[in-house]
Amino acid sequence: MVAKIKAAEIGATGVGKMFGQFTALADISMTIARGEFLTLLGPSGSGKTTFLMILSGFEAPTSGRLTLDGRDMTDVPAEARGFGVVFQGYALFPHMTVEQNIAFPLKVQRRSAAQIKARVAEIVELVGLGGHGHKLPSGLSGGQQQRVALARALAYEPPVLLLDEPFSALDKNLRAQMQDEMRRIHRETGTTFVFVTHDQEEALALSSRIAIFEKGHLQQLAPPREIYERPANRFVAEFLGDINILPVVGGRVEGRPVTLPGSVNSGDLAIRPENMGLSIAEPPGGNAVAARLTDLTYLGAETRLNLLTAGGVPLVLHHPTSTLPDGLAPGATVWAGWAPAHGLLL
């Protein structure tokens, strides 16, 4: 059993970063809790990697303050922060074996030979590389190389582990396997993980909280379920998975009265595809809109349906394949309905 690492808490207050006249980050404030798994998510150029580099000390903020367990670390150099870092490219030493790669940071810390041997053996088992310790990186698969990079970063028991899209080079199946391993390793070590990805499903699967970035601004910071089911604004709603957005004017959608959550009766009504039902006949109750079926995509257990309302609003529905109406084909007029509780007025 691997001993728990003493995790750290990071605070960011008003952190900004300018590159010339370009604002990469604007007034980012958050507390990264001790031992949590925080994922920084956003499109390319949103500022998530810049924020990670500032946390690591490889970039200096233009403004703002960083703390580590309450102590100011804004000007502390990267090598003095003691964080583990895993980059996209692994950065393994090609002439060193797995065990030698993992031992390297421990030697830099001048630990004893006995301590190094024991810690390397422990961490090799933690990341599932038993029996591979004698191999060079060239003799390993991509997933195994990723494990070596992770093991090396965890070897000296860092209070914070920073990961910059570490699975980007892996295929889908291996990526899913590594996600399972990452959850297990986080649980067993107890250290604070800060993880950057552009993959929404990965963020939802791994994180205790997700920070959504866009154009240098923090749009929302919340647990995965809250981010998915209660997005703070339209950007978050549309960025994280498929969502349908229906304009509401005076309590009506395309002229039909609907039951809305809360007291506001105009705005953009957001409904996830899995929360919309399909029917051929007009359903009872007001929460439905007529639409033309434009396309069907068979995905095995479910079918993705693309619709277009009379008002020109595109909709996406995820429907169980086994209960699709017989003879349903593009061009058919159908009804898309939803329960009032499944709508969110943005």
Protein backbone atom coordinates (compact mmCIF):
# COMPACT_ATOMS: atom_id res chain seq x y z
CA MET A 1 0.00 0.00 0.00
CA VAL A 2 1.42 3.38 -1.04
CA ALA A 3 1.68 5.96 1.74
CA LYS A 4 -0.50 9.03 1.29
CA ILE A 5 1.32 12.13 0.08
CA LYS A 6 0.94 15.34 2.08
CA ALA A 7 -1.15 17.35 -0.39
CA ALA A 8 -1.13 21.15 -0.63
CA GLU A 9 -3.73 23.87 -1.17
CA ILE A 10 -3.15 26.49 -3.87
CA GLY A 11 -4.75 29.92 -3.89
CA ALA A 12 -4.93 32.24 -6.89
CA THR A 13 -6.09 35.84 -6.45
CA GLY A 14 -6.54 38.17 -9.42
CA VAL A 15 -4.02 36.31 -11.58
CA GLY A 16 -3.50 37.89 -15.00
CA LYS A 17 -1.06 37.33 -17.84
CA MET A 18 -0.26 39.62 -20.76
CA PHE A 19 1.84 38.73 -23.79
CA GLY A 20 2.49 42.16 -25.27
CA GLN A 21 -0.98 43.62 -25.90
CA PHE A 22 -2.66 40.19 -25.77
CA THR A 23 -4.53 39.23 -22.60
CA ALA A 24 -3.96 35.51 -22.03
CA LEU A 25 -5.50 35.52 -18.54
CA ALA A 26 -7.74 38.09 -16.88
CA ASP A 27 -8.31 38.27 -13.11
CA ILE A 28 -8.36 34.52 -12.31
CA SER A 29 -9.23 33.77 -8.69
CA MET A 30 -9.81 30.33 -7.18
CA THR A 31 -8.79 28.02 -4.37
CA ILE A 32 -7.57 24.56 -5.36
CA ALA A 33 -8.40 22.39 -2.37
CA ARG A 34 -5.91 20.08 -0.75
CA GLY A 35 -6.13 16.62 -2.36
CA GLU A 36 -8.70 17.51 -5.02
CA PHE A 37 -8.64 16.63 -8.73
CA LEU A 38 -9.17 19.91 -10.56
CA THR A 39 -9.41 19.93 -14.35
CA LEU A 40 -8.79 23.05 -16.42
CA LEU A 41 -10.97 22.80 -19.53
CA GLY A 42 -11.51 25.06 -22.50
CA PRO A 43 -10.93 25.50 -26.24
CA SER A 44 -7.49 26.19 -27.72
CA GLY A 45 -6.25 29.62 -26.67
CA SER A 46 -8.62 29.84 -23.70
CA GLY A 47 -5.82 30.31 -21.15
CA LYS A 48 -5.94 26.95 -19.37
CA THR A 49 -2.34 25.92 -20.20
CA THR A 50 -1.06 29.43 -19.42
CA PHE A 51 -2.66 29.16 -15.98
CA LEU A 52 -1.04 25.74 -15.45
CA MET A 53 2.36 27.15 -16.43
CA ILE A 54 1.90 29.99 -13.93
CA LEU A 55 1.03 27.47 -11.20
CA SER A 56 4.18 25.51 -12.07
CA GLY A 57 6.41 28.59 -11.99
CA PHE A 58 7.47 28.24 -15.63
CA GLU A 59 5.54 31.46 -16.42
CA ALA A 60 5.33 34.53 -14.20
CA PRO A 61 1.95 36.28 -13.80
CA THR A 62 1.68 39.88 -14.95
CA SER A 63 -0.64 40.59 -12.03
CA GLY A 64 -2.14 38.82 -9.05
CA ARG A 65 -0.90 36.53 -6.31
CA LEU A 66 -0.39 32.80 -5.72
CA THR A 67 -0.25 31.04 -2.36
CA LEU A 68 0.75 27.54 -1.30
CA ASP A 69 -0.89 26.50 1.97
CA GLY A 70 -1.40 30.19 2.70
CA ARG A 71 2.21 31.25 2.03
CA ASP A 72 2.98 33.55 -0.90
CA MET A 73 4.64 31.67 -3.76
CA THR A 74 4.11 34.19 -6.56
CA ASP A 75 7.84 34.77 -7.05
CA VAL A 76 9.07 31.33 -5.97
CA PRO A 77 10.97 29.70 -8.88
CA ALA A 78 9.68 26.46 -10.39
CA GLU A 79 12.46 24.29 -8.97
CA ALA A 80 11.75 25.53 -5.44
CA ARG A 81 8.00 24.77 -5.54
CA GLY A 82 8.50 21.01 -5.43
CA PHE A 83 5.60 20.25 -7.79
CA GLY A 84 5.45 17.24 -10.06
CA VAL A 85 4.82 18.03 -13.73
CA VAL A 86 3.77 15.69 -16.56
CA PHE A 87 3.86 17.13 -20.08
CA GLN A 88 2.29 15.89 -23.33
CA GLY A 89 5.64 14.67 -24.67
CA TYR A 90 6.59 12.56 -21.59
CA ALA A 91 10.23 13.89 -21.74
CA LEU A 92 11.75 10.56 -20.69
CA PHE A 93 15.51 10.03 -20.82
CA PRO A 94 15.90 7.59 -23.75
CA HIS A 95 19.21 6.11 -22.50
CA MET A 96 17.83 5.33 -19.03
CA THR A 97 15.72 2.34 -18.02
CA VAL A 98 12.28 2.72 -16.47
CA GLU A 99 13.75 2.41 -12.97
CA GLN A 100 16.55 4.87 -13.74
CA ASN A 101 14.08 7.43 -15.11
CA ILE A 102 11.98 7.17 -11.96
CA ALA A 103 15.04 7.31 -9.70
CA PHE A 104 16.48 10.44 -11.33
CA PRO A 105 14.60 13.10 -9.29
CA LEU A 106 15.32 11.15 -6.10
CA LYS A 107 19.04 11.24 -6.86
CA VAL A 108 18.79 14.99 -7.45
CA GLN A 109 17.31 15.21 -3.93
CA ARG A 110 20.34 13.20 -2.68
CA ARG A 111 18.29 10.47 -1.09
CA SER A 112 20.15 7.36 0.04
CA ALA A 113 20.53 4.37 -2.27
CA ALA A 114 18.29 2.32 0.00
CA GLN A 115 15.57 4.97 0.02
CA ILE A 116 15.72 5.29 -3.76
CA LYS A 117 15.51 1.54 -4.31
CA ALA A 118 12.51 1.21 -2.00
CA ARG A 119 10.65 4.19 -3.44
CA VAL A 120 11.24 3.14 -7.06
CA ALA A 121 9.93 -0.36 -6.32
CA GLU A 122 6.88 1.12 -4.63
CA ILE A 123 6.06 3.58 -7.40
CA VAL A 124 6.64 1.02 -10.20
CA GLU A 125 3.93 -1.15 -8.67
CA LEU A 126 1.64 1.85 -8.11
CA VAL A 127 1.57 2.70 -11.83
CA GLY A 128 1.34 -0.92 -12.99
CA LEU A 129 4.83 -1.30 -14.47
CA GLY A 130 5.94 -4.35 -12.52
CA GLY A 131 8.31 -6.43 -14.66
CA HIS A 132 9.20 -3.50 -16.94
CA GLY A 133 11.72 -1.73 -14.74
CA HIS A 134 14.73 -2.89 -16.77
CA LYS A 135 13.39 -1.69 -20.13
CA LEU A 136 14.32 1.43 -22.05
CA PRO A 137 11.52 3.82 -23.14
CA SER A 138 11.93 2.65 -26.76
CA GLY A 139 10.81 -0.81 -25.67
CA LEU A 140 7.55 0.44 -24.17
CA SER A 141 4.14 1.22 -25.60
CA GLY A 142 2.77 4.77 -25.53
CA GLY A 143 0.63 3.97 -22.51
CA GLN A 144 3.59 2.46 -20.66
CA GLN A 145 5.73 5.52 -21.43
CA GLN A 146 2.96 7.68 -20.02
CA ARG A 147 3.01 5.62 -16.84
CA VAL A 148 6.78 6.12 -16.51
CA ALA A 149 6.35 9.90 -16.83
CA LEU A 150 3.62 9.80 -14.18
CA ALA A 151 5.72 7.59 -11.90
CA ARG A 152 8.74 9.89 -12.19
CA ALA A 153 6.61 12.92 -11.31
CA LEU A 154 5.14 11.15 -8.26
CA ALA A 155 8.38 9.53 -7.09
CA TYR A 156 9.50 12.35 -4.79
CA GLU A 157 6.01 12.73 -3.28
CA PRO A 158 5.10 16.21 -4.58
CA PRO A 159 2.30 18.08 -2.77
CA VAL A 160 0.85 19.06 -6.18
CA LEU A 161 0.92 17.21 -9.50
CA LEU A 162 0.38 19.30 -12.67
CA LEU A 163 -0.59 17.44 -15.86
CA ASP A 164 -0.69 19.13 -19.28
CA GLU A 165 -2.86 17.01 -21.63
CA PRO A 166 -0.88 13.84 -20.78
CA PHE A 167 -3.17 11.53 -22.78
CA SER A 168 -3.32 13.53 -26.01
CA ALA A 169 -1.09 11.09 -27.94
CA LEU A 170 -2.97 7.95 -26.88
CA ASP A 171 -5.69 6.17 -28.86
CA LYS A 172 -9.26 6.13 -27.55
CA ASN A 173 -9.17 2.72 -25.83
CA LEU A 174 -5.80 3.33 -24.19
CA ARG A 175 -6.92 6.79 -23.14
CA ALA A 176 -9.95 5.33 -21.36
CA GLN A 177 -7.73 2.79 -19.63
CA MET A 178 -5.33 5.51 -18.47
CA GLN A 179 -8.24 7.55 -17.13
CA ASP A 180 -9.20 4.62 -14.89
CA GLU A 181 -5.58 4.35 -13.77
CA MET A 182 -5.37 8.08 -13.09
CA ARG A 183 -8.44 7.95 -10.82
CA ARG A 184 -6.94 5.05 -8.90
CA ILE A 185 -3.53 6.72 -8.53
CA HIS A 186 -5.09 9.97 -7.35
CA ARG A 187 -7.15 8.07 -4.79
CA GLU A 188 -4.16 6.08 -3.52
CA THR A 189 -1.64 8.95 -3.33
CA GLY A 190 -4.00 11.66 -2.08
CA THR A 191 -1.99 14.46 -3.69
CA THR A 192 -3.51 17.55 -5.32
CA PHE A 193 -3.97 17.04 -9.09
CA VAL A 194 -4.36 19.92 -11.56
CA PHE A 195 -5.09 18.50 -15.00
CA VAL A 196 -5.39 20.26 -18.36
CA THR A 197 -7.44 18.73 -21.16
CA HIS A 198 -9.56 19.74 -24.16
CA ASP A 199 -11.60 16.52 -23.87
CA GLN A 200 -14.98 17.20 -22.21
CA GLU A 201 -15.74 13.54 -21.46
CA GLU A 202 -12.32 13.14 -19.85
CA ALA A 203 -12.95 16.16 -17.64
CA LEU A 204 -16.34 14.85 -16.53
CA ALA A 205 -14.94 11.39 -15.79
CA LEU A 206 -11.88 12.41 -13.78
CA SER A 207 -12.55 15.59 -11.88
CA SER A 208 -13.79 16.55 -8.46
CA ARG A 209 -14.23 20.05 -9.96
CA ILE A 210 -13.86 21.56 -13.44
CA ALA A 211 -12.71 25.10 -14.27
CA ILE A 212 -14.02 26.26 -17.65
CA PHE A 213 -11.83 28.85 -19.40
CA GLU A 214 -12.67 30.98 -22.43
CA LYS A 215 -10.66 33.88 -23.88
CA GLY A 216 -8.63 34.18 -20.70
CA HIS A 217 -11.64 34.33 -18.39
CA LEU A 218 -12.87 31.79 -15.86
CA GLN A 219 -16.45 31.06 -16.90
CA GLN A 220 -17.43 28.52 -14.24
CA LEU A 221 -15.80 26.47 -11.47
CA ALA A 222 -17.94 23.65 -10.10
CA PRO A 223 -18.28 19.86 -9.75
CA PRO A 224 -18.82 17.98 -13.06
CA ARG A 225 -22.52 17.31 -12.53
CA GLU A 226 -23.27 20.94 -11.72
CA ILE A 227 -21.29 22.16 -14.73
CA TYR A 228 -23.16 19.75 -17.02
CA GLU A 229 -26.66 20.14 -15.59
CA ARG A 230 -26.50 23.78 -14.47
CA PRO A 231 -24.09 25.66 -16.78
CA ALA A 232 -23.48 29.24 -15.68
CA ASN A 233 -23.94 30.75 -19.13
CA ARG A 234 -24.49 29.96 -22.79
CA PHE A 235 -20.80 29.43 -23.52
CA VAL A 236 -20.47 26.73 -20.86
CA ALA A 237 -23.76 25.14 -21.95
CA GLU A 238 -22.69 24.84 -25.59
CA PHE A 239 -19.05 23.95 -24.90
CA LEU A 240 -19.66 20.98 -22.62
CA GLY A 241 -21.40 18.34 -24.72
CA ASP A 242 -24.43 18.59 -27.02
CA ILE A 243 -27.23 20.90 -25.94
CA ASN A 244 -30.38 22.31 -27.49
CA ILE A 245 -31.05 26.04 -27.17
CA LEU A 246 -34.62 27.24 -27.77
CA PRO A 247 -35.46 30.98 -27.70
CA VAL A 248 -38.26 31.81 -25.25
CA VAL A 249 -40.28 34.99 -25.64
CA GLY A 250 -43.02 35.81 -23.13
CA GLY A 251 -43.27 32.21 -21.93
CA ARG A 252 -43.62 30.81 -25.45
CA VAL A 253 -41.40 28.71 -27.70
CA GLU A 254 -42.23 29.27 -31.38
CA GLY A 255 -45.63 30.56 -30.35
CA ARG A 256 -46.49 27.65 -28.03
CA PRO A 257 -46.87 28.34 -24.28
CA VAL A 258 -44.40 26.32 -22.18
CA THR A 259 -43.84 25.72 -18.47
CA LEU A 260 -40.52 27.24 -17.43
CA PRO A 261 -38.29 26.79 -14.40
CA GLY A 262 -38.37 29.85 -12.14
CA SER A 263 -40.18 33.13 -12.67
CA VAL A 264 -38.32 34.51 -15.71
CA ASN A 265 -40.31 34.00 -18.94
CA SER A 266 -37.85 35.08 -21.67
CA GLY A 267 -34.33 34.00 -22.60
CA ASP A 268 -32.56 30.93 -23.97
CA LEU A 269 -33.94 27.58 -22.80
CA ALA A 270 -31.20 24.93 -22.64
CA ILE A 271 -32.11 21.21 -22.74
CA ARG A 272 -29.66 18.31 -23.02
CA PRO A 273 -30.39 15.85 -25.90
CA GLU A 274 -30.94 12.93 -23.53
CA ASN A 275 -33.68 14.92 -21.78
CA MET A 276 -35.81 15.43 -24.89
CA GLY A 277 -38.32 12.83 -25.99
CA LEU A 278 -39.55 12.05 -29.50
CA SER A 279 -43.15 11.39 -30.57
CA ILE A 280 -45.02 11.26 -33.85
CA ALA A 281 -48.23 12.73 -32.44
CA GLU A 282 -48.41 16.00 -30.53
CA PRO A 283 -47.77 15.09 -26.88
CA PRO A 284 -50.08 16.21 -24.05
CA GLY A 285 -48.89 19.28 -22.19
CA GLY A 286 -47.26 22.36 -23.62
CA ASN A 287 -43.54 21.56 -23.42
CA ALA A 288 -42.99 20.39 -26.98
CA VAL A 289 -42.08 21.78 -30.37
CA ALA A 290 -42.82 20.49 -33.86
CA ALA A 291 -39.81 19.77 -36.05
CA ARG A 292 -38.69 18.06 -39.27
CA LEU A 293 -36.33 15.11 -39.01
CA THR A 294 -33.24 15.90 -41.11
CA ASP A 295 -30.94 12.98 -40.29
CA LEU A 296 -30.52 9.78 -38.25
CA THR A 297 -27.18 8.37 -37.12
CA TYR A 298 -27.11 4.80 -35.81
CA LEU A 299 -24.78 4.51 -32.78
CA GLY A 300 -25.67 1.05 -31.56
CA ALA A 301 -27.80 1.18 -28.41
CA GLU A 302 -28.91 4.70 -29.26
CA THR A 303 -29.61 6.73 -32.39
CA ARG A 304 -28.71 10.38 -32.82
CA LEU A 305 -31.56 12.36 -34.40
CA ASN A 306 -31.07 15.75 -36.03
CA LEU A 307 -34.17 17.93 -36.23
CA LEU A 308 -35.05 21.41 -37.47
CA THR A 309 -37.95 23.32 -35.96
CA ALA A 310 -40.33 25.43 -38.03
CA GLY A 311 -38.52 28.48 -36.68
CA GLY A 312 -35.20 27.21 -38.01
CA VAL A 313 -33.69 26.03 -34.69
CA PRO A 314 -31.55 22.86 -34.99
CA LEU A 315 -32.11 20.18 -32.34
CA VAL A 316 -30.28 16.98 -31.41
CA LEU A 317 -31.94 14.05 -29.65
CA HIS A 318 -30.38 10.84 -28.31
CA HIS A 319 -33.04 8.13 -28.56
CA PRO A 320 -32.84 4.41 -27.64
CA THR A 321 -32.59 2.54 -30.94
CA SER A 322 -34.88 -0.25 -29.74
CA THR A 323 -37.86 2.12 -29.23
CA LEU A 324 -37.59 4.27 -32.35
CA PRO A 325 -40.94 4.51 -34.19
CA ASP A 326 -41.13 2.12 -37.16
CA GLY A 327 -40.48 3.65 -40.55
CA LEU A 328 -38.97 6.85 -39.18
CA ALA A 329 -37.01 8.55 -41.96
CA PRO A 330 -35.63 11.99 -42.84
CA GLY A 331 -38.37 14.38 -43.86
CA ALA A 332 -40.86 13.16 -41.25
CA THR A 333 -42.61 15.69 -39.02
CA VAL A 334 -42.17 14.81 -35.33
CA TRP A 335 -42.50 16.39 -31.91
CA ALA A 336 -39.66 16.99 -29.47
CA GLY A 337 -40.83 17.33 -25.86
CA TRP A 338 -39.22 17.78 -22.46
CA ALA A 339 -40.16 17.85 -18.80
CA PRO A 340 -40.09 21.36 -17.25
CA ALA A 341 -37.48 20.24 -14.70
CA HIS A 342 -35.05 19.39 -17.51
CA GLY A 343 -35.00 22.91 -18.94
CA LEU A 344 -32.59 25.62 -17.82
CA LEU A 345 -33.29 29.23 -18.74
CA LEU A 346 -29.99 30.94 -19.43
